Protein backbone atom coordinates (compact mmCIF):
# COMPACT_ATOMS: atom_id res chain seq x y z
CA MET A 1 41.93 25.86 40.91
CA CYS A 2 42.53 24.21 44.27
CA ASN A 3 45.91 22.71 43.25
CA LYS A 4 46.25 20.71 46.43
CA TYR A 5 43.60 18.19 45.36
CA ASN A 6 42.54 16.14 42.36
CA ILE A 7 39.00 17.39 41.71
CA CYS A 8 36.84 15.78 39.02
CA ALA A 9 33.68 17.56 37.86
CA LEU A 10 30.89 15.36 36.46
CA VAL A 11 28.29 16.95 34.22
CA THR A 12 25.36 15.52 32.27
CA VAL A 13 24.23 17.57 29.27
CA TYR A 14 21.17 17.48 27.02
CA TYR A 15 21.18 19.44 23.76
CA PRO A 16 24.08 21.63 24.93
CA ASP A 17 24.73 25.02 23.36
CA ASN A 18 27.34 27.78 23.62
CA THR A 19 25.99 28.84 27.01
CA VAL A 20 26.94 25.42 28.35
CA VAL A 21 30.41 25.81 26.80
CA GLU A 22 30.91 29.13 28.61
CA ASN A 23 29.81 27.52 31.88
CA MET A 24 32.34 24.73 31.41
CA LYS A 25 35.11 27.29 30.89
CA LEU A 26 34.34 28.63 34.36
CA VAL A 27 34.37 25.11 35.79
CA GLU A 28 37.71 24.34 34.12
CA LYS A 29 39.44 27.04 36.20
CA GLN A 30 38.52 25.28 39.45
CA VAL A 31 38.95 21.55 38.80
CA THR A 32 41.50 19.02 37.58
CA SER A 33 39.25 17.42 34.96
CA ILE A 34 35.67 17.55 33.66
CA ILE A 35 33.80 14.50 32.43
CA ILE A 36 30.77 15.29 30.29
CA ALA A 37 28.12 12.66 29.62
CA ASP A 38 25.92 13.80 26.76
CA ASN A 39 22.36 12.43 26.80
CA THR A 40 21.37 14.11 23.53
CA PRO A 41 19.72 11.42 21.37
CA LYS A 42 21.48 10.46 18.11
CA LYS A 43 23.95 13.33 18.23
CA ASP A 44 27.61 13.92 19.03
CA ASN A 45 28.29 17.42 20.36
CA SER A 46 32.01 16.96 20.99
CA TYR A 47 32.86 19.82 18.61
CA LEU A 48 31.41 22.28 21.13
CA PHE A 49 33.99 21.37 23.76
CA LYS A 50 37.09 20.75 21.61
CA ASN A 51 38.87 23.89 22.88
CA ILE A 52 38.49 23.08 26.57
CA ARG A 53 41.51 20.93 27.33
CA LYS A 54 40.33 19.49 30.66
CA ILE A 55 37.10 18.08 29.23
CA PHE A 56 36.64 14.39 28.50
CA TYR A 57 33.46 14.11 26.46
CA TYR A 58 31.30 11.00 25.99
CA SER A 59 28.24 10.86 23.75
CA ASN A 60 25.58 8.41 24.93
CA LYS A 61 23.49 8.90 21.74
CA ILE A 62 20.35 8.26 23.84
CA ASN A 63 18.76 9.94 26.82
CA MET A 64 19.69 7.44 29.51
CA GLY A 65 18.73 9.74 32.37
CA LEU A 66 20.82 11.50 34.97
CA SER A 67 21.54 8.53 37.24
CA MET A 68 22.76 6.10 34.60
CA ALA A 69 24.81 8.79 32.86
CA PHE A 70 26.54 9.70 36.12
CA ASN A 71 27.16 6.04 36.97
CA ASN A 72 28.81 5.50 33.59
CA SER A 73 31.07 8.48 34.24
CA LEU A 74 31.93 7.11 37.68
CA LYS A 75 33.53 4.07 36.01
CA ARG A 76 36.29 6.23 34.51
CA ASP A 77 39.74 6.02 36.09
CA LYS A 78 39.95 9.79 36.39
CA VAL A 79 36.94 9.74 38.70
CA ILE A 80 37.93 6.66 40.69
CA ASN A 81 41.36 8.14 41.41
CA SER A 82 40.09 11.62 42.30
CA ASP A 83 40.16 13.17 45.76
CA TYR A 84 36.81 14.88 45.30
CA ILE A 85 33.88 14.71 42.89
CA LEU A 86 31.85 17.80 42.05
CA PHE A 87 28.49 17.14 40.37
CA LEU A 88 27.13 19.95 38.20
CA ASP A 89 24.14 20.81 36.02
CA GLN A 90 24.85 22.09 32.54
CA ASP A 91 23.21 25.47 33.17
CA THR A 92 24.71 26.33 36.56
CA VAL A 93 27.05 29.32 36.54
CA ILE A 94 29.51 28.67 39.35
CA PRO A 95 31.18 31.53 41.24
CA GLU A 96 34.92 31.93 41.76
CA LYS A 97 36.49 29.63 44.37
CA LEU A 98 33.36 27.50 44.73
CA ALA A 99 35.31 24.22 44.66
CA GLU A 100 37.91 25.54 47.08
CA THR A 101 35.26 26.78 49.54
CA LEU A 102 33.33 23.51 49.43
CA ILE A 103 36.47 21.42 49.94
CA ASN A 104 37.66 23.56 52.87
CA ASP A 105 34.28 23.26 54.58
CA TYR A 106 34.01 19.54 53.76
CA ASN A 107 37.36 18.97 55.48
CA LYS A 108 36.31 21.04 58.49
CA ILE A 109 33.29 18.78 58.90
CA ARG A 110 35.41 15.63 58.66
CA GLN A 111 37.93 16.99 61.17
CA SER A 112 35.08 17.53 63.64
CA ASP A 113 34.36 13.78 63.51
CA VAL A 114 31.04 14.29 61.72
CA LYS A 115 30.48 11.60 59.10
CA VAL A 116 29.68 13.57 55.97
CA GLY A 117 28.25 12.11 52.76
CA CYS A 118 28.07 15.28 50.68
CA LEU A 119 28.21 19.06 50.93
CA GLY A 120 26.56 21.72 48.80
CA PRO A 121 26.09 25.48 48.67
CA VAL A 122 22.97 27.51 49.33
CA TYR A 123 21.48 28.86 46.13
CA TYR A 124 19.85 31.94 44.69
CA GLU A 125 16.83 30.88 42.64
CA SER A 126 16.87 33.14 39.59
CA ASN A 127 13.18 32.68 38.69
CA SER A 128 11.84 33.71 42.10
CA MET A 129 14.84 36.04 42.69
CA GLU A 130 15.47 34.90 46.24
CA ILE A 131 17.90 32.81 48.26
CA LYS A 132 16.17 29.56 49.07
CA LYS A 133 15.68 29.08 52.79
CA LEU A 134 16.60 25.43 53.13
CA ILE A 135 18.30 25.65 56.49
CA ASN A 136 16.94 24.90 59.96
CA GLU A 137 19.08 26.74 62.52
CA LYS A 138 18.62 23.82 64.93
CA ASN A 139 20.72 21.69 62.56
CA LYS A 140 23.82 23.86 62.73
CA ILE A 141 26.99 21.82 63.22
CA MET A 142 29.51 24.68 62.98
CA ASP A 143 29.71 28.25 61.74
CA ASN A 144 27.64 28.58 58.56
CA ILE A 145 27.39 24.79 58.08
CA TYR A 146 24.21 22.79 58.61
CA THR A 147 22.87 19.29 58.16
CA ILE A 148 19.93 18.96 55.78
CA GLN A 149 17.64 16.21 54.47
CA CYS A 150 18.87 16.53 50.89
CA ILE A 151 20.68 18.84 48.50
CA MET A 152 20.41 19.31 44.75
CA THR A 153 22.75 17.74 42.23
CA SER A 154 24.40 20.90 41.00
CA SER A 155 27.50 21.79 43.04
CA MET A 156 27.23 18.69 45.20
CA LEU A 157 30.69 17.77 46.51
CA THR A 158 31.47 14.22 47.63
CA THR A 159 34.02 11.42 47.21
CA TYR A 160 34.15 8.21 45.23
CA ASP A 161 34.31 6.17 48.45
CA ASN A 162 31.12 7.78 49.75
CA LEU A 163 29.29 6.93 46.53
CA LYS A 164 30.61 3.38 46.60
CA LYS A 165 29.16 2.87 50.10
CA ILE A 166 25.61 3.30 48.77
CA GLY A 167 25.99 1.63 45.39
CA PHE A 168 26.28 4.91 43.47
CA TRP A 169 23.26 6.60 41.82
CA ASN A 170 19.94 4.78 41.72
CA GLU A 171 19.31 4.08 38.03
CA ASN A 172 15.63 3.41 38.71
CA ILE A 173 15.25 7.14 39.39
CA PHE A 174 15.57 8.84 36.04
CA LEU A 175 15.94 12.56 36.67
CA ASP A 176 14.36 15.04 39.08
CA PHE A 177 14.50 13.18 42.38
CA ALA A 178 17.76 11.31 41.85
CA ASP A 179 19.69 13.70 44.11
CA TRP A 180 17.13 13.34 46.90
CA ASP A 181 17.33 9.57 46.63
CA LEU A 182 21.13 9.73 46.83
CA CYS A 183 21.06 11.86 49.98
CA TRP A 184 18.48 9.69 51.72
CA ARG A 185 20.52 6.56 51.04
CA TRP A 186 23.58 8.25 52.56
CA LYS A 187 21.55 9.07 55.64
CA ASN A 188 20.49 5.41 55.73
CA VAL A 189 24.15 4.46 56.26
CA ASP A 190 24.75 7.29 58.78
CA LEU A 191 26.42 9.72 56.39
CA LEU A 192 25.09 13.27 56.61
CA CYS A 193 24.18 15.68 53.84
CA CYS A 194 25.33 19.19 54.63
CA VAL A 195 25.00 22.69 53.22
CA THR A 196 27.30 25.68 53.72
CA LYS A 197 26.38 29.35 53.71
CA ASN A 198 29.97 30.13 52.76
CA ALA A 199 29.16 29.24 49.15
CA ILE A 200 26.24 30.41 47.04
CA ILE A 201 25.33 29.63 43.44
CA ASN A 202 22.85 31.11 41.02
CA HIS A 203 20.47 28.33 40.01
CA ARG A 204 17.20 28.21 38.10
CA VAL A 205 14.51 25.66 38.99
CA GLY A 206 12.21 25.13 36.00
CA GLU A 207 11.65 27.58 33.18
CA ALA A 208 9.74 30.20 35.15
CA VAL A 209 7.61 30.82 38.25
CA LYS A 210 3.90 31.60 37.81
CA LYS A 211 2.12 33.45 40.62
CA LYS A 212 -1.45 32.49 41.49
CA GLY A 213 -2.61 34.43 44.54
CA PRO A 214 -0.39 33.44 47.48
CA PHE A 215 0.97 30.44 45.58
CA SER A 216 3.96 30.10 43.26
CA LEU A 217 3.98 27.43 40.57
CA LYS A 218 7.24 26.24 39.04
CA VAL A 219 6.74 26.05 35.31
CA GLY A 220 8.63 23.25 33.59
CA PRO A 221 8.30 21.55 30.20
CA PRO A 222 5.34 19.11 30.05
CA ILE A 223 7.63 16.06 29.70
CA ARG A 224 8.91 16.63 33.25
CA GLU A 225 5.41 15.75 34.49
CA TYR A 226 6.06 12.22 33.21
CA TYR A 227 9.37 11.69 34.97
CA GLN A 228 8.31 13.39 38.20
CA THR A 229 5.10 11.36 38.43
CA ARG A 230 6.82 8.06 37.64
CA ASP A 231 9.77 8.57 39.98
CA CYS A 232 7.91 10.02 42.95
CA LEU A 233 5.70 6.91 42.94
CA LYS A 234 8.85 4.79 43.15
CA LEU A 235 10.26 6.82 46.04
CA LEU A 236 6.93 6.83 47.84
CA LEU A 237 7.43 3.10 48.43
CA LYS A 238 11.02 3.31 49.68
CA LYS A 239 11.56 2.80 53.41
CA TYR A 240 14.38 5.35 53.47
CA THR A 241 12.22 8.18 52.05
CA PRO A 242 11.50 10.63 54.94
CA ILE A 243 7.85 10.84 56.03
CA ARG A 244 7.50 14.54 55.16
CA TYR A 245 8.64 13.79 51.61
CA LYS A 246 6.19 10.93 51.32
CA PHE A 247 3.43 13.46 52.02
CA LYS A 248 4.99 15.73 49.39
CA PHE A 249 4.95 12.91 46.85
CA ILE A 250 1.30 12.16 47.62
CA LEU A 251 0.51 15.79 46.79
CA ILE A 252 2.55 15.54 43.58
CA ILE A 253 0.43 12.66 42.30
CA THR A 254 -2.95 13.91 43.57
CA ILE A 255 -3.31 17.69 43.98
CA ARG A 256 -0.48 19.03 41.82
CA PRO A 257 -1.70 17.46 38.53
CA ILE A 258 -5.05 19.22 38.95
CA VAL A 259 -3.35 22.56 39.67
CA HIS A 260 -0.97 22.21 36.73
CA ILE A 261 -3.72 21.24 34.28
CA ILE A 262 -5.87 24.19 35.38
CA PHE A 263 -3.24 26.92 35.53
CA LEU A 264 -0.38 25.96 33.20
CA THR A 265 -0.23 25.85 29.41
CA GLN A 266 -0.28 22.69 27.22
CA LYS A 267 -2.92 21.14 29.47
CA TYR A 268 -3.67 18.09 27.33
CA LEU A 269 0.01 17.23 26.95
CA ARG A 270 0.63 17.56 30.69
CA ALA A 271 -2.37 15.33 31.44
CA LYS A 272 -1.10 12.76 28.94
CA TYR A 273 2.36 12.67 30.52
CA ILE A 274 0.95 12.36 34.04
CA VAL A 275 -1.21 9.37 33.02
CA CYS A 276 1.73 7.76 31.19
CA GLY A 277 3.91 8.28 34.27
CA ILE A 278 1.42 6.42 36.44
CA VAL A 279 1.00 3.61 33.90
CA ASP A 280 4.76 3.20 33.44
CA PHE A 281 5.34 3.09 37.19
CA PHE A 282 3.16 -0.03 37.32
CA ARG A 283 4.98 -1.39 34.25
CA SER A 284 8.35 -0.87 36.04
CA ILE A 285 9.72 1.20 33.17
CA ASN A 286 12.97 3.06 33.90
CA TYR A 287 14.04 4.39 30.51
CA SER A 288 13.19 7.66 28.73
CA PHE A 289 9.77 8.48 27.29
CA ASP A 290 11.23 8.44 23.76
CA LEU A 291 12.45 4.88 24.22
CA ARG A 292 9.10 3.97 25.75
CA LYS A 293 7.41 4.76 22.44
CA THR A 294 9.63 2.28 20.60
CA ASN A 295 9.20 -0.46 23.22
CA VAL A 296 5.45 -0.36 23.77
C-alpha cells in the first residue's frame, strides 16, 4: 500500500461471488479503505466480505445503477476525507503497485501545471487478447502519459474535489457510458482526462468477442442493449458530448441493432430491449429495467 496517502477504493458489485472476494483481497493491499456498494436486488452479500477488514459494505437491495451507487458511496466520510479515490469494477484484477504508480504519475501531471481531472492505466482486453490502442501520440504531455477523451471506470484515479467540481456522477446515465459522461464533463470545466503507459490492467469488455469477417463484435448480455440504447440517446443530446462520439451513438441506435440481431444469439430478446430502451428514453426513465416493469 502507498502509506503516504489516504486512498479510498470505490466498487459497485452485482451478484458478487468468490472471484470478486479474491479481487478485493488484492485491492486491500494497495488502499486505505474499500467501500462496496452492492446493487444486487433483494439480497445482502456482506457475508462474502466479512474477512476483509478494510471493506465497508453497503447493500442497496435494488439495482440503482453505477452512477447512483457511486454517488451514495461518495457521501461517506471516509471518501470525503481521502486524498485519492480509485474507482474499480468488481471483475478487474489489479496488478501490484497499481495505486502507487497512478498516484505518482497523477502528481507528476499536477506538478507540471496541467489541470488533471482523472488518470487511468492502459488495459489488456482479455477477450480480444490485445492491449487497446487508445493513445494518440500527438497528445503526449510527458513520458508515457497522454491526454485522452475518456477513460473507463475501472482503475480511474481522481480526487473528491475534482468530482465535486462537476456535481459527481450523472445519475441519469445508468451504466455503460457513465464514465464517458464523467470525463466529458471534466473536460467541460478544463480538467483533463489522462492515461499512463506505466500502468496496465487486465480487463474484459463484454462476455466474449465474435469475429465476422474483418469485424469484431463485443458480445454482452441482452439486457445491456436496453441500457446502452437508452443512455446513448441521452448523451447524443448533450452539448459536451464530443462530435465523434455523437456519430458513434448514432451508429449504436441505427446500424448496431441490425448487426446484433442478425449475428448474435437471443435475437428476439435483444430486439425487445432495444425497443424498450428507445421508448424509455422518451419517457425519461432512469431506473433499472426490473423497476420499470413494476412502474409501467
